[in-house]
């Protein structure tokens, strides 16, 4: 399972679109015969914005990185032992995965809309697995420890 979760790339199409629009304005200015300096400013600005948009689409910003001892959410690191619960909450921006910490005033929120479709469930399962491992919990399979399953 991947331990790095990035933002949904589609959220950043507007940056590429803005760069292409500015390049279109440069083409119109060139067609109208405006001085080369004005056209070159728009070409440079539009080109840089379009390249930045392509870069962000190729490598969207990091939302969460799961490590053995800690989780990093948008640059904030929290030890797994400081997290008490993983769940979902409704916020003003939609549904979010919440990591409740030992300090009740400092929950960590991961908006579900930031993640690619299907990645939210995968992240939630990974978070619960890491949290269980950090606190020494295991999934009960219905048997007692040392139970061989032999009935007498």
C-alpha atoms as a PDB file:
ATOM      1  CA  UNK A   1       0.000   0.000   0.000  1.00  0.00           C
ATOM      2  CA  UNK A   2       1.339   3.447  -0.849  1.00  0.00           C
ATOM      3  CA  UNK A   3       2.302   5.654   2.029  1.00  0.00           C
ATOM      4  CA  UNK A   4       2.189   8.967   0.190  1.00  0.00           C
ATOM      5  CA  UNK A   5      -1.104  10.599  -0.697  1.00  0.00           C
ATOM      6  CA  UNK A   6      -1.232  13.595  -3.020  1.00  0.00           C
ATOM      7  CA  UNK A   7      -3.979  16.051  -3.913  1.00  0.00           C
ATOM      8  CA  UNK A   8      -6.255  15.277  -6.818  1.00  0.00           C
ATOM      9  CA  UNK A   9      -4.470  16.646  -9.896  1.00  0.00           C
ATOM     10  CA  UNK A  10      -7.684  17.936 -11.477  1.00  0.00           C
ATOM     11  CA  UNK A  11      -7.885  20.645  -8.828  1.00  0.00           C
ATOM     12  CA  UNK A  12      -4.987  22.415 -10.555  1.00  0.00           C
ATOM     13  CA  UNK A  13      -6.140  22.463 -14.197  1.00  0.00           C
ATOM     14  CA  UNK A  14      -6.989  26.147 -13.759  1.00  0.00           C
ATOM     15  CA  UNK A  15      -3.303  27.061 -13.459  1.00  0.00           C
ATOM     16  CA  UNK A  16      -2.492  25.468 -16.807  1.00  0.00           C
ATOM     17  CA  UNK A  17      -5.602  27.072 -18.326  1.00  0.00           C
ATOM     18  CA  UNK A  18      -4.567  30.522 -17.056  1.00  0.00           C
ATOM     19  CA  UNK A  19      -1.143  30.132 -18.647  1.00  0.00           C
ATOM     20  CA  UNK A  20      -2.669  29.088 -21.964  1.00  0.00           C
ATOM     21  CA  UNK A  21      -5.098  32.035 -21.871  1.00  0.00           C
ATOM     22  CA  UNK A  22      -2.213  34.459 -21.322  1.00  0.00           C
ATOM     23  CA  UNK A  23      -0.350  32.843 -24.233  1.00  0.00           C
ATOM     24  CA  UNK A  24      -3.507  33.379 -26.321  1.00  0.00           C
ATOM     25  CA  UNK A  25      -3.547  37.052 -25.321  1.00  0.00           C
ATOM     26  CA  UNK A  26       0.091  37.259 -26.448  1.00  0.00           C
ATOM     27  CA  UNK A  27      -0.889  35.831 -29.832  1.00  0.00           C
ATOM     28  CA  UNK A  28      -3.676  38.402 -30.191  1.00  0.00           C
ATOM     29  CA  UNK A  29      -1.313  41.242 -29.238  1.00  0.00           C
ATOM     30  CA  UNK A  30       1.214  39.992 -31.802  1.00  0.00           C
ATOM     31  CA  UNK A  31      -1.522  39.770 -34.473  1.00  0.00           C
ATOM     32  CA  UNK A  32      -2.572  43.353 -33.698  1.00  0.00           C
ATOM     33  CA  UNK A  33       1.003  44.479 -34.265  1.00  0.00           C
ATOM     34  CA  UNK A  34       1.788  45.703 -30.752  1.00  0.00           C
ATOM     35  CA  UNK A  35       5.461  46.203 -29.868  1.00  0.00           C
ATOM     36  CA  UNK A  36       7.540  43.074 -29.350  1.00  0.00           C
ATOM     37  CA  UNK A  37       8.251  44.003 -25.722  1.00  0.00           C
ATOM     38  CA  UNK A  38       4.566  43.770 -24.773  1.00  0.00           C
ATOM     39  CA  UNK A  39       4.170  40.487 -26.637  1.00  0.00           C
ATOM     40  CA  UNK A  40       7.318  39.022 -25.074  1.00  0.00           C
ATOM     41  CA  UNK A  41       6.107  39.940 -21.563  1.00  0.00           C
ATOM     42  CA  UNK A  42       2.855  38.050 -22.147  1.00  0.00           C
ATOM     43  CA  UNK A  43       4.651  35.099 -23.779  1.00  0.00           C
ATOM     44  CA  UNK A  44       7.094  34.857 -20.867  1.00  0.00           C
ATOM     45  CA  UNK A  45       4.396  35.187 -18.208  1.00  0.00           C
ATOM     46  CA  UNK A  46       2.021  32.767 -19.948  1.00  0.00           C
ATOM     47  CA  UNK A  47       4.806  30.272 -20.613  1.00  0.00           C
ATOM     48  CA  UNK A  48       5.969  30.287 -16.988  1.00  0.00           C
ATOM     49  CA  UNK A  49       2.432  29.869 -15.662  1.00  0.00           C
ATOM     50  CA  UNK A  50       1.706  27.050 -18.141  1.00  0.00           C
ATOM     51  CA  UNK A  51       4.936  25.245 -17.190  1.00  0.00           C
ATOM     52  CA  UNK A  52       4.093  25.652 -13.499  1.00  0.00           C
ATOM     53  CA  UNK A  53       0.617  24.241 -14.207  1.00  0.00           C
ATOM     54  CA  UNK A  54       2.107  21.227 -15.981  1.00  0.00           C
ATOM     55  CA  UNK A  55       4.539  20.693 -13.099  1.00  0.00           C
ATOM     56  CA  UNK A  56       1.746  20.774 -10.507  1.00  0.00           C
ATOM     57  CA  UNK A  57      -0.380  18.404 -12.608  1.00  0.00           C
ATOM     58  CA  UNK A  58       2.550  15.986 -12.815  1.00  0.00           C
ATOM     59  CA  UNK A  59       3.375  16.228  -9.070  1.00  0.00           C
ATOM     60  CA  UNK A  60       0.403  17.540  -7.071  1.00  0.00           C
ATOM     61  CA  UNK A  61       1.059  18.804  -3.544  1.00  0.00           C
ATOM     62  CA  UNK A  62       1.429  16.248  -0.791  1.00  0.00           C
ATOM     63  CA  UNK A  63      -1.586  15.758   1.486  1.00  0.00           C
ATOM     64  CA  UNK A  64      -0.314  13.010   3.790  1.00  0.00           C
ATOM     65  CA  UNK A  65       2.754  10.846   4.229  1.00  0.00           C
ATOM     66  CA  UNK A  66       2.444   7.800   6.462  1.00  0.00           C
ATOM     67  CA  UNK A  67       5.617   6.677   8.209  1.00  0.00           C
ATOM     68  CA  UNK A  68       6.251   3.950  10.774  1.00  0.00           C
ATOM     69  CA  UNK A  69       6.362   6.282  13.788  1.00  0.00           C
ATOM     70  CA  UNK A  70       4.491   9.366  12.589  1.00  0.00           C
ATOM     71  CA  UNK A  71       2.133  10.831  10.042  1.00  0.00           C
ATOM     72  CA  UNK A  72       2.850  14.037   8.164  1.00  0.00           C
ATOM     73  CA  UNK A  73      -0.218  15.989   7.056  1.00  0.00           C
ATOM     74  CA  UNK A  74       0.486  19.127   5.012  1.00  0.00           C
ATOM     75  CA  UNK A  75       3.869  19.512   6.734  1.00  0.00           C
ATOM     76  CA  UNK A  76       2.586  18.889  10.283  1.00  0.00           C
ATOM     77  CA  UNK A  77       4.082  15.782  11.885  1.00  0.00           C
ATOM     78  CA  UNK A  78       2.191  13.872  14.555  1.00  0.00           C
ATOM     79  CA  UNK A  79       3.326  10.688  16.278  1.00  0.00           C
ATOM     80  CA  UNK A  80       0.969   7.724  15.902  1.00  0.00           C
ATOM     81  CA  UNK A  81       0.917   7.349  19.682  1.00  0.00           C
ATOM     82  CA  UNK A  82      -0.558  10.876  19.954  1.00  0.00           C
ATOM     83  CA  UNK A  83      -3.527   9.963  17.745  1.00  0.00           C
ATOM     84  CA  UNK A  84      -6.526   8.436  19.505  1.00  0.00           C
ATOM     85  CA  UNK A  85      -9.066   7.928  16.728  1.00  0.00           C
ATOM     86  CA  UNK A  86      -9.636   8.047  12.976  1.00  0.00           C
ATOM     87  CA  UNK A  87     -13.073   8.939  11.658  1.00  0.00           C
ATOM     88  CA  UNK A  88     -15.093  11.085   9.279  1.00  0.00           C
ATOM     89  CA  UNK A  89     -16.723  14.428   9.942  1.00  0.00           C
ATOM     90  CA  UNK A  90     -18.718  16.952   7.957  1.00  0.00           C
ATOM     91  CA  UNK A  91     -17.067  20.357   7.632  1.00  0.00           C
ATOM     92  CA  UNK A  92     -18.035  23.571   5.876  1.00  0.00           C
ATOM     93  CA  UNK A  93     -15.960  22.338   2.907  1.00  0.00           C
ATOM     94  CA  UNK A  94     -17.511  18.871   2.760  1.00  0.00           C
ATOM     95  CA  UNK A  95     -16.567  15.537   4.250  1.00  0.00           C
ATOM     96  CA  UNK A  96     -13.142  15.106   5.848  1.00  0.00           C
ATOM     97  CA  UNK A  97     -11.125  12.368   7.489  1.00  0.00           C
ATOM     98  CA  UNK A  98     -10.337  13.460  11.026  1.00  0.00           C
ATOM     99  CA  UNK A  99      -7.460  12.295  13.188  1.00  0.00           C
ATOM    100  CA  UNK A 100      -8.336  13.021  16.793  1.00  0.00           C
ATOM    101  CA  UNK A 101      -5.297  13.558  18.975  1.00  0.00           C
ATOM    102  CA  UNK A 102      -4.720  13.392  22.718  1.00  0.00           C
ATOM    103  CA  UNK A 103      -5.200  17.160  22.714  1.00  0.00           C
ATOM    104  CA  UNK A 104      -8.912  17.542  21.845  1.00  0.00           C
ATOM    105  CA  UNK A 105      -8.356  21.098  20.559  1.00  0.00           C
ATOM    106  CA  UNK A 106      -5.987  19.929  17.803  1.00  0.00           C
ATOM    107  CA  UNK A 107      -7.668  17.448  15.454  1.00  0.00           C
ATOM    108  CA  UNK A 108      -6.029  16.909  12.062  1.00  0.00           C
ATOM    109  CA  UNK A 109      -8.404  17.177   9.087  1.00  0.00           C
ATOM    110  CA  UNK A 110      -7.891  15.699   5.619  1.00  0.00           C
ATOM    111  CA  UNK A 111     -10.624  16.923   3.231  1.00  0.00           C
ATOM    112  CA  UNK A 112     -11.875  13.998   1.147  1.00  0.00           C
ATOM    113  CA  UNK A 113     -12.382  16.284  -1.884  1.00  0.00           C
ATOM    114  CA  UNK A 114      -8.624  16.846  -2.030  1.00  0.00           C
ATOM    115  CA  UNK A 115      -7.942  13.186  -2.747  1.00  0.00           C
ATOM    116  CA  UNK A 116      -8.392  11.293  -5.993  1.00  0.00           C
ATOM    117  CA  UNK A 117     -11.569   9.183  -6.206  1.00  0.00           C
ATOM    118  CA  UNK A 118     -11.151   5.948  -4.253  1.00  0.00           C
ATOM    119  CA  UNK A 119      -8.056   7.128  -2.437  1.00  0.00           C
ATOM    120  CA  UNK A 120     -10.004   8.361   0.612  1.00  0.00           C
ATOM    121  CA  UNK A 121     -11.140   4.845   1.547  1.00  0.00           C
ATOM    122  CA  UNK A 122      -7.631   3.497   0.936  1.00  0.00           C
ATOM    123  CA  UNK A 123      -6.157   6.245   3.126  1.00  0.00           C
ATOM    124  CA  UNK A 124      -8.691   5.642   5.882  1.00  0.00           C
ATOM    125  CA  UNK A 125      -7.863   1.918   5.980  1.00  0.00           C
ATOM    126  CA  UNK A 126      -4.126   2.658   6.019  1.00  0.00           C
ATOM    127  CA  UNK A 127      -4.606   5.181   8.831  1.00  0.00           C
ATOM    128  CA  UNK A 128      -6.529   2.673  10.941  1.00  0.00           C
ATOM    129  CA  UNK A 129      -3.932  -0.047  10.302  1.00  0.00           C
ATOM    130  CA  UNK A 130      -1.066   2.264  11.299  1.00  0.00           C
ATOM    131  CA  UNK A 131      -2.974   3.489  14.343  1.00  0.00           C
ATOM    132  CA  UNK A 132      -3.745  -0.076  15.455  1.00  0.00           C
ATOM    133  CA  UNK A 133      -0.111  -1.083  14.995  1.00  0.00           C
ATOM    134  CA  UNK A 134       1.118   1.931  16.976  1.00  0.00           C
ATOM    135  CA  UNK A 135      -1.162   1.072  19.910  1.00  0.00           C
ATOM    136  CA  UNK A 136      -0.528  -2.683  19.687  1.00  0.00           C
ATOM    137  CA  UNK A 137      -4.033  -3.621  18.567  1.00  0.00           C
ATOM    138  CA  UNK A 138      -4.731  -6.538  16.257  1.00  0.00           C
ATOM    139  CA  UNK A 139      -7.849  -7.654  14.447  1.00  0.00           C
ATOM    140  CA  UNK A 140      -9.603 -10.370  16.431  1.00  0.00           C
ATOM    141  CA  UNK A 141     -10.185 -13.473  14.365  1.00  0.00           C
ATOM    142  CA  UNK A 142     -12.681 -15.023  16.810  1.00  0.00           C
ATOM    143  CA  UNK A 143     -10.247 -17.338  18.549  1.00  0.00           C
ATOM    144  CA  UNK A 144      -8.564 -17.097  21.900  1.00  0.00           C
ATOM    145  CA  UNK A 145      -4.763 -16.809  22.027  1.00  0.00           C
ATOM    146  CA  UNK A 146      -3.253 -20.279  21.850  1.00  0.00           C
ATOM    147  CA  UNK A 147      -6.591 -21.785  20.767  1.00  0.00           C
ATOM    148  CA  UNK A 148      -5.957 -24.719  18.463  1.00  0.00           C
ATOM    149  CA  UNK A 149      -9.600 -24.935  17.548  1.00  0.00           C
ATOM    150  CA  UNK A 150      -9.905 -28.521  18.842  1.00  0.00           C
ATOM    151  CA  UNK A 151     -13.168 -29.201  20.637  1.00  0.00           C
ATOM    152  CA  UNK A 152     -13.229 -31.884  23.274  1.00  0.00           C
END
